[in-house]
Amino acid sequence: MNIHVTEQAEAILKEKLAHKPGIIRLIYDTEGCGCAVNGVPGLRIIEEVATMDVPIHTDSTLSFAIHQKHGIFFEEHLKLSTTPDSCSFRLEGREQSYGTHVQLIDIR
């Protein structure tokens, strides 16, 4: 999996990291969605990768990971950008938009 991170998105991610170590994990959150295949994408700042996480290739200087079972919910090539108000992120692939208000939560 590959994620192209826009300059503005990378700047906001770095600001949220606040010069502390961290990895950006792409998640597919199914909590409260009724079914394991219905979910919403999200971003989490974590201290270290979990055993089942795999790296995501990116053109960013930041490190990204995803749980190996969540990869099936996304296309191979993704783009992470920001919304016009820069309060959340937009995640899209070549075939579809995964979310226009993808939340970033720091769980370090």
PDB file of N, CA and C in Angstrom:
ATOM      1  N   MET A   1       0.843  -1.174   0.000  1.00  0.00           N
ATOM      2  CA  MET A   1       0.000   0.000   0.000  1.00  0.00           C
ATOM      3  C   MET A   1       0.890   1.240   0.000  1.00  0.00           C
ATOM      4  N   ASN A   2       0.431   2.267  -0.713  1.00  0.00           N
ATOM      5  CA  ASN A   2       1.158   3.535  -0.819  1.00  0.00           C
ATOM      6  C   ASN A   2       0.216   4.696  -0.509  1.00  0.00           C
ATOM      7  N   ILE A   3       0.716   5.681   0.218  1.00  0.00           N
ATOM      8  CA  ILE A   3      -0.055   6.900   0.481  1.00  0.00           C
ATOM      9  C   ILE A   3       0.768   8.103   0.040  1.00  0.00           C
ATOM     10  N   HIS A   4       0.170   8.903  -0.850  1.00  0.00           N
ATOM     11  CA  HIS A   4       0.757  10.204  -1.190  1.00  0.00           C
ATOM     12  C   HIS A   4       0.200  11.195  -0.173  1.00  0.00           C
ATOM     13  N   VAL A   5       1.071  11.894   0.526  1.00  0.00           N
ATOM     14  CA  VAL A   5       0.671  12.868   1.544  1.00  0.00           C
ATOM     15  C   VAL A   5       0.960  14.260   1.000  1.00  0.00           C
ATOM     16  N   THR A   6      -0.071  15.100   0.913  1.00  0.00           N
ATOM     17  CA  THR A   6       0.146  16.456   0.419  1.00  0.00           C
ATOM     18  C   THR A   6       0.986  17.241   1.423  1.00  0.00           C
ATOM     19  N   GLU A   7       1.595  18.321   0.951  1.00  0.00           N
ATOM     20  CA  GLU A   7       2.444  19.147   1.825  1.00  0.00           C
ATOM     21  C   GLU A   7       1.663  19.690   3.015  1.00  0.00           C
ATOM     22  N   GLN A   8       0.448  20.162   2.756  1.00  0.00           N
ATOM     23  CA  GLN A   8      -0.366  20.722   3.837  1.00  0.00           C
ATOM     24  C   GLN A   8      -0.733  19.637   4.856  1.00  0.00           C
ATOM     25  N   ALA A   9      -1.077  18.455   4.384  1.00  0.00           N
ATOM     26  CA  ALA A   9      -1.414  17.356   5.297  1.00  0.00           C
ATOM     27  C   ALA A   9      -0.201  16.960   6.131  1.00  0.00           C
ATOM     28  N   GLU A  10       0.969  16.895   5.500  1.00  0.00           N
ATOM     29  CA  GLU A  10       2.179  16.538   6.237  1.00  0.00           C
ATOM     30  C   GLU A  10       2.496  17.586   7.300  1.00  0.00           C
ATOM     31  N   ALA A  11       2.318  18.855   6.968  1.00  0.00           N
ATOM     32  CA  ALA A  11       2.589  19.926   7.934  1.00  0.00           C
ATOM     33  C   ALA A  11       1.673  19.810   9.152  1.00  0.00           C
ATOM     34  N   ILE A  12       0.408  19.504   8.930  1.00  0.00           N
ATOM     35  CA  ILE A  12      -0.531  19.365  10.047  1.00  0.00           C
ATOM     36  C   ILE A  12      -0.200  18.134  10.882  1.00  0.00           C
ATOM     37  N   LEU A  13       0.155  17.034  10.226  1.00  0.00           N
ATOM     38  CA  LEU A  13       0.543  15.826  10.962  1.00  0.00           C
ATOM     39  C   LEU A  13       1.773  16.092  11.831  1.00  0.00           C
ATOM     40  N   LYS A  14       2.757  16.786  11.275  1.00  0.00           N
ATOM     41  CA  LYS A  14       3.964  17.103  12.048  1.00  0.00           C
ATOM     42  C   LYS A  14       3.633  18.002  13.234  1.00  0.00           C
ATOM     43  N   GLU A  15       2.730  18.941  13.026  1.00  0.00           N
ATOM     44  CA  GLU A  15       2.304  19.825  14.120  1.00  0.00           C
ATOM     45  C   GLU A  15       1.644  19.013  15.234  1.00  0.00           C
ATOM     46  N   LYS A  16       0.815  18.046  14.861  1.00  0.00           N
ATOM     47  CA  LYS A  16       0.137  17.204  15.854  1.00  0.00           C
ATOM     48  C   LYS A  16       1.116  16.280  16.572  1.00  0.00           C
ATOM     49  N   LEU A  17       2.177  15.861  15.887  1.00  0.00           N
ATOM     50  CA  LEU A  17       3.192  15.029  16.526  1.00  0.00           C
ATOM     51  C   LEU A  17       3.981  15.827  17.564  1.00  0.00           C
ATOM     52  N   ALA A  18       4.040  17.136  17.393  1.00  0.00           N
ATOM     53  CA  ALA A  18       4.680  18.054  18.348  1.00  0.00           C
ATOM     54  C   ALA A  18       6.120  17.661  18.672  1.00  0.00           C
ATOM     55  N   HIS A  19       6.875  17.298  17.658  1.00  0.00           N
ATOM     56  CA  HIS A  19       8.298  16.945  17.796  1.00  0.00           C
ATOM     57  C   HIS A  19       8.536  15.754  18.722  1.00  0.00           C
ATOM     58  N   LYS A  20       7.512  14.936  18.932  1.00  0.00           N
ATOM     59  CA  LYS A  20       7.659  13.711  19.719  1.00  0.00           C
ATOM     60  C   LYS A  20       7.601  12.524  18.766  1.00  0.00           C
ATOM     61  N   PRO A  21       8.261  11.421  19.113  1.00  0.00           N
ATOM     62  CA  PRO A  21       8.190  10.246  18.246  1.00  0.00           C
ATOM     63  C   PRO A  21       6.754   9.747  18.116  1.00  0.00           C
ATOM     64  N   GLY A  22       6.427   9.268  16.944  1.00  0.00           N
ATOM     65  CA  GLY A  22       5.092   8.725  16.725  1.00  0.00           C
ATOM     66  C   GLY A  22       4.943   8.180  15.321  1.00  0.00           C
ATOM     67  N   ILE A  23       4.019   7.277  15.173  1.00  0.00           N
ATOM     68  CA  ILE A  23       3.706   6.648  13.894  1.00  0.00           C
ATOM     69  C   ILE A  23       2.237   6.917  13.619  1.00  0.00           C
ATOM     70  N   ILE A  24       1.913   7.182  12.361  1.00  0.00           N
ATOM     71  CA  ILE A  24       0.529   7.402  11.965  1.00  0.00           C
ATOM     72  C   ILE A  24      -0.044   6.057  11.522  1.00  0.00           C
ATOM     73  N   ARG A  25      -1.080   5.597  12.223  1.00  0.00           N
ATOM     74  CA  ARG A  25      -1.723   4.332  11.861  1.00  0.00           C
ATOM     75  C   ARG A  25      -3.041   4.641  11.149  1.00  0.00           C
ATOM     76  N   LEU A  26      -3.207   4.078   9.961  1.00  0.00           N
ATOM     77  CA  LEU A  26      -4.478   4.149   9.246  1.00  0.00           C
ATOM     78  C   LEU A  26      -5.350   3.023   9.776  1.00  0.00           C
ATOM     79  N   ILE A  27      -6.550   3.360  10.214  1.00  0.00           N
ATOM     80  CA  ILE A  27      -7.446   2.338  10.755  1.00  0.00           C
ATOM     81  C   ILE A  27      -8.732   2.277   9.944  1.00  0.00           C
ATOM     82  N   TYR A  28      -9.432   1.178  10.098  1.00  0.00           N
ATOM     83  CA  TYR A  28     -10.777   1.013   9.556  1.00  0.00           C
ATOM     84  C   TYR A  28     -11.653   0.686  10.751  1.00  0.00           C
ATOM     85  N   ASP A  29     -12.329   1.694  11.281  1.00  0.00           N
ATOM     86  CA  ASP A  29     -13.077   1.586  12.528  1.00  0.00           C
ATOM     87  C   ASP A  29     -14.487   1.066  12.265  1.00  0.00           C
ATOM     88  N   THR A  30     -14.791  -0.113  12.802  1.00  0.00           N
ATOM     89  CA  THR A  30     -16.120  -0.707  12.632  1.00  0.00           C
ATOM     90  C   THR A  30     -16.955  -0.609  13.908  1.00  0.00           C
ATOM     91  N   GLU A  31     -16.402  -0.016  14.950  1.00  0.00           N
ATOM     92  CA  GLU A  31     -17.110   0.099  16.229  1.00  0.00           C
ATOM     93  C   GLU A  31     -18.412   0.877  16.054  1.00  0.00           C
ATOM     94  N   GLY A  32     -19.526   0.245  16.393  1.00  0.00           N
ATOM     95  CA  GLY A  32     -20.828   0.892  16.313  1.00  0.00           C
ATOM     96  C   GLY A  32     -21.393   1.013  14.911  1.00  0.00           C
ATOM     97  N   CYS A  33     -20.752   0.377  13.933  1.00  0.00           N
ATOM     98  CA  CYS A  33     -21.221   0.474  12.545  1.00  0.00           C
ATOM     99  C   CYS A  33     -22.150  -0.673  12.153  1.00  0.00           C
ATOM    100  N   GLY A  34     -22.357  -1.635  13.045  1.00  0.00           N
ATOM    101  CA  GLY A  34     -23.328  -2.685  12.795  1.00  0.00           C
ATOM    102  C   GLY A  34     -22.797  -3.942  12.140  1.00  0.00           C
ATOM    103  N   CYS A  35     -21.700  -3.840  11.415  1.00  0.00           N
ATOM    104  CA  CYS A  35     -21.186  -5.000  10.689  1.00  0.00           C
ATOM    105  C   CYS A  35     -19.686  -4.830  10.500  1.00  0.00           C
ATOM    106  N   ALA A  36     -18.971  -5.937  10.444  1.00  0.00           N
ATOM    107  CA  ALA A  36     -17.510  -5.876  10.326  1.00  0.00           C
ATOM    108  C   ALA A  36     -17.031  -5.296   9.006  1.00  0.00           C
ATOM    109  N   VAL A  37     -17.892  -5.262   7.988  1.00  0.00           N
ATOM    110  CA  VAL A  37     -17.456  -4.693   6.707  1.00  0.00           C
ATOM    111  C   VAL A  37     -17.912  -3.252   6.530  1.00  0.00           C
ATOM    112  N   ASN A  38     -18.728  -2.753   7.451  1.00  0.00           N
ATOM    113  CA  ASN A  38     -19.123  -1.348   7.427  1.00  0.00           C
ATOM    114  C   ASN A  38     -18.251  -0.607   8.428  1.00  0.00           C
ATOM    115  N   GLY A  39     -17.534   0.384   7.956  1.00  0.00           N
ATOM    116  CA  GLY A  39     -16.657   1.118   8.854  1.00  0.00           C
ATOM    117  C   GLY A  39     -16.258   2.456   8.272  1.00  0.00           C
ATOM    118  N   VAL A  40     -15.487   3.183   9.046  1.00  0.00           N
ATOM    119  CA  VAL A  40     -14.995   4.487   8.617  1.00  0.00           C
ATOM    120  C   VAL A  40     -13.483   4.533   8.816  1.00  0.00           C
ATOM    121  N   PRO A  41     -12.776   5.206   7.914  1.00  0.00           N
ATOM    122  CA  PRO A  41     -11.327   5.321   8.080  1.00  0.00           C
ATOM    123  C   PRO A  41     -10.997   6.333   9.166  1.00  0.00           C
ATOM    124  N   GLY A  42      -9.854   6.149   9.768  1.00  0.00           N
ATOM    125  CA  GLY A  42      -9.375   7.078  10.774  1.00  0.00           C
ATOM    126  C   GLY A  42      -7.863   7.046  10.830  1.00  0.00           C
ATOM    127  N   LEU A  43      -7.295   8.021  11.492  1.00  0.00           N
ATOM    128  CA  LEU A  43      -5.849   8.094  11.692  1.00  0.00           C
ATOM    129  C   LEU A  43      -5.585   8.167  13.185  1.00  0.00           C
ATOM    130  N   ARG A  44      -4.610   7.402  13.644  1.00  0.00           N
ATOM    131  CA  ARG A  44      -4.226   7.410  15.046  1.00  0.00           C
ATOM    132  C   ARG A  44      -2.724   7.630  15.140  1.00  0.00           C
ATOM    133  N   ILE A  45      -2.307   8.453  16.079  1.00  0.00           N
ATOM    134  CA  ILE A  45      -0.878   8.593  16.363  1.00  0.00           C
ATOM    135  C   ILE A  45      -0.562   7.595  17.464  1.00  0.00           C
ATOM    136  N   ILE A  46       0.377   6.699  17.185  1.00  0.00           N
ATOM    137  CA  ILE A  46       0.749   5.655  18.138  1.00  0.00           C
ATOM    138  C   ILE A  46       2.239   5.753  18.446  1.00  0.00           C
ATOM    139  N   GLU A  47       2.638   5.179  19.564  1.00  0.00           N
ATOM    140  CA  GLU A  47       4.055   5.195  19.949  1.00  0.00           C
ATOM    141  C   GLU A  47       4.873   4.214  19.135  1.00  0.00           C
ATOM    142  N   GLU A  48       4.331   3.016  18.943  1.00  0.00           N
ATOM    143  CA  GLU A  48       5.060   1.986  18.203  1.00  0.00           C
ATOM    144  C   GLU A  48       4.065   1.072  17.505  1.00  0.00           C
ATOM    145  N   VAL A  49       4.529   0.408  16.465  1.00  0.00           N
ATOM    146  CA  VAL A  49       3.649  -0.480  15.711  1.00  0.00           C
ATOM    147  C   VAL A  49       3.315  -1.711  16.549  1.00  0.00           C
ATOM    148  N   ALA A  50       2.140  -2.250  16.321  1.00  0.00           N
ATOM    149  CA  ALA A  50       1.719  -3.482  16.978  1.00  0.00           C
ATOM    150  C   ALA A  50       2.220  -4.674  16.159  1.00  0.00           C
ATOM    151  N   THR A  51       2.128  -5.841  16.738  1.00  0.00           N
ATOM    152  CA  THR A  51       2.614  -7.060  16.091  1.00  0.00           C
ATOM    153  C   THR A  51       1.990  -7.278  14.716  1.00  0.00           C
ATOM    154  N   MET A  52       0.712  -6.984  14.566  1.00  0.00           N
ATOM    155  CA  MET A  52       0.001  -7.241  13.311  1.00  0.00           C
ATOM    156  C   MET A  52       0.028  -6.053  12.346  1.00  0.00           C
ATOM    157  N   ASP A  53       0.742  -4.987  12.681  1.00  0.00           N
ATOM    158  CA  ASP A  53       0.838  -3.826  11.793  1.00  0.00           C
ATOM    159  C   ASP A  53       1.878  -4.057  10.707  1.00  0.00           C
ATOM    160  N   VAL A  54       1.601  -3.495   9.543  1.00  0.00           N
ATOM    161  CA  VAL A  54       2.564  -3.520   8.441  1.00  0.00           C
ATOM    162  C   VAL A  54       2.807  -2.080   8.006  1.00  0.00           C
ATOM    163  N   PRO A  55       4.006  -1.779   7.515  1.00  0.00           N
ATOM    164  CA  PRO A  55       4.287  -0.404   7.089  1.00  0.00           C
ATOM    165  C   PRO A  55       3.526  -0.038   5.819  1.00  0.00           C
ATOM    166  N   ILE A  56       3.230   1.236   5.691  1.00  0.00           N
ATOM    167  CA  ILE A  56       2.639   1.786   4.469  1.00  0.00           C
ATOM    168  C   ILE A  56       3.712   2.643   3.821  1.00  0.00           C
ATOM    169  N   HIS A  57       3.959   2.412   2.554  1.00  0.00           N
ATOM    170  CA  HIS A  57       4.942   3.215   1.831  1.00  0.00           C
ATOM    171  C   HIS A  57       4.349   4.592   1.563  1.00  0.00           C
ATOM    172  N   THR A  58       5.185   5.616   1.685  1.00  0.00           N
ATOM    173  CA  THR A  58       4.714   6.982   1.514  1.00  0.00           C
ATOM    174  C   THR A  58       5.836   7.867   0.996  1.00  0.00           C
ATOM    175  N   ASP A  59       5.455   8.990   0.409  1.00  0.00           N
ATOM    176  CA  ASP A  59       6.434   9.975  -0.041  1.00  0.00           C
ATOM    177  C   ASP A  59       6.714  10.997   1.066  1.00  0.00           C
ATOM    178  N   SER A  60       6.165  10.766   2.237  1.00  0.00           N
ATOM    179  CA  SER A  60       6.322  11.652   3.382  1.00  0.00           C
ATOM    180  C   SER A  60       7.531  11.239   4.209  1.00  0.00           C
ATOM    181  N   THR A  61       7.998  12.154   5.044  1.00  0.00           N
ATOM    182  CA  THR A  61       9.071  11.821   5.979  1.00  0.00           C
ATOM    183  C   THR A  61       8.516  11.140   7.230  1.00  0.00           C
ATOM    184  N   LEU A  62       7.195  11.066   7.343  1.00  0.00           N
ATOM    185  CA  LEU A  62       6.543  10.438   8.486  1.00  0.00           C
ATOM    186  C   LEU A  62       6.379   8.939   8.254  1.00  0.00           C
ATOM    187  N   SER A  63       6.253   8.201   9.348  1.00  0.00           N
ATOM    188  CA  SER A  63       6.038   6.754   9.264  1.00  0.00           C
ATOM    189  C   SER A  63       4.550   6.451   9.376  1.00  0.00           C
ATOM    190  N   PHE A  64       4.073   5.575   8.492  1.00  0.00           N
ATOM    191  CA  PHE A  64       2.678   5.149   8.478  1.00  0.00           C
ATOM    192  C   PHE A  64       2.612   3.634   8.608  1.00  0.00           C
ATOM    193  N   ALA A  65       1.529   3.147   9.227  1.00  0.00           N
ATOM    194  CA  ALA A  65       1.318   1.707   9.361  1.00  0.00           C
ATOM    195  C   ALA A  65      -0.179   1.423   9.301  1.00  0.00           C
ATOM    196  N   ILE A  66      -0.506   0.155   9.101  1.00  0.00           N
ATOM    197  CA  ILE A  66      -1.893  -0.302   9.089  1.00  0.00           C
ATOM    198  C   ILE A  66      -1.923  -1.732   9.608  1.00  0.00           C
ATOM    199  N   HIS A  67      -2.979  -2.092  10.310  1.00  0.00           N
ATOM    200  CA  HIS A  67      -3.153  -3.483  10.739  1.00  0.00           C
ATOM    201  C   HIS A  67      -3.308  -4.323   9.472  1.00  0.00           C
ATOM    202  N   GLN A  68      -2.634  -5.442   9.412  1.00  0.00           N
ATOM    203  CA  GLN A  68      -2.609  -6.220   8.176  1.00  0.00           C
ATOM    204  C   GLN A  68      -3.999  -6.645   7.706  1.00  0.00           C
ATOM    205  N   LYS A  69      -4.961  -6.796   8.595  1.00  0.00           N
ATOM    206  CA  LYS A  69      -6.314  -7.181   8.184  1.00  0.00           C
ATOM    207  C   LYS A  69      -7.135  -5.998   7.675  1.00  0.00           C
ATOM    208  N   HIS A  70      -6.722  -4.772   7.960  1.00  0.00           N
ATOM    209  CA  HIS A  70      -7.468  -3.594   7.507  1.00  0.00           C
ATOM    210  C   HIS A  70      -7.110  -3.195   6.076  1.00  0.00           C
ATOM    211  N   GLY A  71      -6.017  -3.696   5.564  1.00  0.00           N
ATOM    212  CA  GLY A  71      -5.585  -3.334   4.217  1.00  0.00           C
ATOM    213  C   GLY A  71      -6.589  -3.684   3.135  1.00  0.00           C
ATOM    214  N   ILE A  72      -7.415  -4.698   3.364  1.00  0.00           N
ATOM    215  CA  ILE A  72      -8.380  -5.120   2.339  1.00  0.00           C
ATOM    216  C   ILE A  72      -9.469  -4.084   2.094  1.00  0.00           C
ATOM    217  N   PHE A  73      -9.638  -3.147   3.009  1.00  0.00           N
ATOM    218  CA  PHE A  73     -10.693  -2.146   2.874  1.00  0.00           C
ATOM    219  C   PHE A  73     -10.268  -0.928   2.048  1.00  0.00           C
ATOM    220  N   PHE A  74      -8.997  -0.881   1.644  1.00  0.00           N
ATOM    221  CA  PHE A  74      -8.468   0.282   0.938  1.00  0.00           C
ATOM    222  C   PHE A  74      -7.806  -0.121  -0.373  1.00  0.00           C
ATOM    223  N   GLU A  75      -7.750   0.826  -1.295  1.00  0.00           N
ATOM    224  CA  GLU A  75      -7.030   0.620  -2.550  1.00  0.00           C
ATOM    225  C   GLU A  75      -5.527   0.613  -2.291  1.00  0.00           C
ATOM    226  N   GLU A  76      -4.784   0.160  -3.267  1.00  0.00           N
ATOM    227  CA  GLU A  76      -3.328   0.080  -3.143  1.00  0.00           C
ATOM    228  C   GLU A  76      -2.683   1.466  -3.104  1.00  0.00           C
ATOM    229  N   HIS A  77      -3.249   2.423  -3.846  1.00  0.00           N
ATOM    230  CA  HIS A  77      -2.689   3.778  -3.921  1.00  0.00           C
ATOM    231  C   HIS A  77      -3.702   4.772  -3.363  1.00  0.00           C
ATOM    232  N   LEU A  78      -3.288   5.504  -2.331  1.00  0.00           N
ATOM    233  CA  LEU A  78      -4.157   6.459  -1.659  1.00  0.00           C
ATOM    234  C   LEU A  78      -3.519   7.841  -1.631  1.00  0.00           C
ATOM    235  N   LYS A  79      -4.372   8.843  -1.403  1.00  0.00           N
ATOM    236  CA  LYS A  79      -3.898  10.221  -1.248  1.00  0.00           C
ATOM    237  C   LYS A  79      -4.500  10.776   0.033  1.00  0.00           C
ATOM    238  N   LEU A  80      -3.648  11.363   0.871  1.00  0.00           N
ATOM    239  CA  LEU A  80      -4.091  11.999   2.107  1.00  0.00           C
ATOM    240  C   LEU A  80      -3.885  13.497   1.970  1.00  0.00           C
ATOM    241  N   SER A  81      -4.975  14.239   2.065  1.00  0.00           N
ATOM    242  CA  SER A  81      -4.913  15.700   1.978  1.00  0.00           C
ATOM    243  C   SER A  81      -5.725  16.268   3.138  1.00  0.00           C
ATOM    244  N   THR A  82      -5.843  17.578   3.189  1.00  0.00           N
ATOM    245  CA  THR A  82      -6.620  18.204   4.255  1.00  0.00           C
ATOM    246  C   THR A  82      -7.891  18.806   3.684  1.00  0.00           C
ATOM    247  N   THR A  83      -8.850  19.025   4.562  1.00  0.00           N
ATOM    248  CA  THR A  83     -10.067  19.712   4.166  1.00  0.00           C
ATOM    249  C   THR A  83      -9.761  21.209   4.133  1.00  0.00           C
ATOM    250  N   PRO A  84     -10.577  21.996   3.448  1.00  0.00           N
ATOM    251  CA  PRO A  84     -10.297  23.438   3.347  1.00  0.00           C
ATOM    252  C   PRO A  84     -10.106  24.139   4.690  1.00  0.00           C
ATOM    253  N   ASP A  85     -10.821  23.698   5.723  1.00  0.00           N
ATOM    254  CA  ASP A  85     -10.669  24.333   7.037  1.00  0.00           C
ATOM    255  C   ASP A  85      -9.513  23.733   7.844  1.00  0.00           C
ATOM    256  N   SER A  86      -8.861  22.715   7.305  1.00  0.00           N
ATOM    257  CA  SER A  86      -7.699  22.047   7.914  1.00  0.00           C
ATOM    258  C   SER A  86      -7.985  21.427   9.279  1.00  0.00           C
ATOM    259  N   CYS A  87      -9.246  21.139   9.562  1.00  0.00           N
ATOM    260  CA  CYS A  87      -9.593  20.508  10.840  1.00  0.00           C
ATOM    261  C   CYS A  87      -9.593  18.984  10.756  1.00  0.00           C
ATOM    262  N   SER A  88      -9.649  18.462   9.550  1.00  0.00           N
ATOM    263  CA  SER A  88      -9.642  17.017   9.376  1.00  0.00           C
ATOM    264  C   SER A  88      -8.962  16.698   8.051  1.00  0.00           C
ATOM    265  N   PHE A  89      -8.895  15.422   7.759  1.00  0.00           N
ATOM    266  CA  PHE A  89      -8.193  14.973   6.566  1.00  0.00           C
ATOM    267  C   PHE A  89      -9.160  14.358   5.568  1.00  0.00           C
ATOM    268  N   ARG A  90      -8.708  14.300   4.345  1.00  0.00           N
ATOM    269  CA  ARG A  90      -9.462  13.680   3.259  1.00  0.00           C
ATOM    270  C   ARG A  90      -8.615  12.519   2.757  1.00  0.00           C
ATOM    271  N   LEU A  91      -9.219  11.334   2.657  1.00  0.00           N
ATOM    272  CA  LEU A  91      -8.527  10.146   2.169  1.00  0.00           C
ATOM    273  C   LEU A  91      -9.244   9.655   0.928  1.00  0.00           C
ATOM    274  N   GLU A  92      -8.500   9.553  -0.152  1.00  0.00           N
ATOM    275  CA  GLU A  92      -9.122   9.090  -1.390  1.00  0.00           C
ATOM    276  C   GLU A  92      -8.171   8.198  -2.168  1.00  0.00           C
ATOM    277  N   GLY A  93      -8.778   7.329  -2.955  1.00  0.00           N
ATOM    278  CA  GLY A  93      -8.037   6.471  -3.861  1.00  0.00           C
ATOM    279  C   GLY A  93      -8.345   6.878  -5.285  1.00  0.00           C
ATOM    280  N   ARG A  94      -7.899   6.075  -6.214  1.00  0.00           N
ATOM    281  CA  ARG A  94      -8.176   6.370  -7.626  1.00  0.00           C
ATOM    282  C   ARG A  94      -9.638   6.113  -7.968  1.00  0.00           C
ATOM    283  N   GLU A  95     -10.266   5.187  -7.266  1.00  0.00           N
ATOM    284  CA  GLU A  95     -11.634   4.776  -7.581  1.00  0.00           C
ATOM    285  C   GLU A  95     -12.702   5.380  -6.675  1.00  0.00           C
ATOM    286  N   GLN A  96     -12.322   5.820  -5.485  1.00  0.00           N
ATOM    287  CA  GLN A  96     -13.336   6.321  -4.561  1.00  0.00           C
ATOM    288  C   GLN A  96     -12.730   7.213  -3.481  1.00  0.00           C
ATOM    289  N   SER A  97     -13.633   7.942  -2.825  1.00  0.00           N
ATOM    290  CA  SER A  97     -13.251   8.732  -1.656  1.00  0.00           C
ATOM    291  C   SER A  97     -13.597   7.901  -0.423  1.00  0.00           C
ATOM    292  N   TYR A  98     -12.651   7.767   0.489  1.00  0.00           N
ATOM    293  CA  TYR A  98     -12.877   6.984   1.704  1.00  0.00           C
ATOM    294  C   TYR A  98     -13.395   7.839   2.847  1.00  0.00           C
ATOM    295  N   GLY A  99     -13.170   9.122   2.773  1.00  0.00           N
ATOM    296  CA  GLY A  99     -13.662  10.006   3.818  1.00  0.00           C
ATOM    297  C   GLY A  99     -13.208  11.429   3.588  1.00  0.00           C
ATOM    298  N   THR A 100     -14.121  12.359   3.824  1.00  0.00           N
ATOM    299  CA  THR A 100     -13.784  13.770   3.671  1.00  0.00           C
ATOM    300  C   THR A 100     -13.539  14.440   5.019  1.00  0.00           C
ATOM    301  N   HIS A 101     -13.787  13.721   6.088  1.00  0.00           N
ATOM    302  CA  HIS A 101     -13.555  14.245   7.441  1.00  0.00           C
ATOM    303  C   HIS A 101     -12.899  13.162   8.298  1.00  0.00           C
ATOM    304  N   VAL A 102     -11.753  12.681   7.846  1.00  0.00           N
ATOM    305  CA  VAL A 102     -11.028  11.630   8.558  1.00  0.00           C
ATOM    306  C   VAL A 102     -10.365  12.254   9.785  1.00  0.00           C
ATOM    307  N   GLN A 103     -10.683  11.721  10.939  1.00  0.00           N
ATOM    308  CA  GLN A 103     -10.190  12.267  12.200  1.00  0.00           C
ATOM    309  C   GLN A 103      -8.814  11.715  12.552  1.00  0.00           C
ATOM    310  N   LEU A 104      -7.986  12.558  13.131  1.00  0.00           N
ATOM    311  CA  LEU A 104      -6.682  12.169  13.662  1.00  0.00           C
ATOM    312  C   LEU A 104      -6.760  12.243  15.181  1.00  0.00           C
ATOM    313  N   ILE A 105      -6.459  11.114  15.845  1.00  0.00           N
ATOM    314  CA  ILE A 105      -6.491  11.065  17.305  1.00  0.00           C
ATOM    315  C   ILE A 105      -5.139  10.575  17.802  1.00  0.00           C
ATOM    316  N   ASP A 106      -4.593  11.304  18.755  1.00  0.00           N
ATOM    317  CA  ASP A 106      -3.309  10.944  19.355  1.00  0.00           C
ATOM    318  C   ASP A 106      -3.579  10.010  20.528  1.00  0.00           C
ATOM    319  N   ILE A 107      -3.147   8.745  20.413  1.00  0.00           N
ATOM    320  CA  ILE A 107      -3.366   7.773  21.488  1.00  0.00           C
ATOM    321  C   ILE A 107      -2.044   7.309  22.101  1.00  0.00           C
ATOM    322  N   ARG A 108      -0.998   8.116  21.919  1.00  0.00           N
ATOM    323  CA  ARG A 108       0.304   7.739  22.498  1.00  0.00           C
ATOM    324  C   ARG A 108       0.244   7.694  24.000  1.00  0.00           C
TER     325      ARG A 108
END
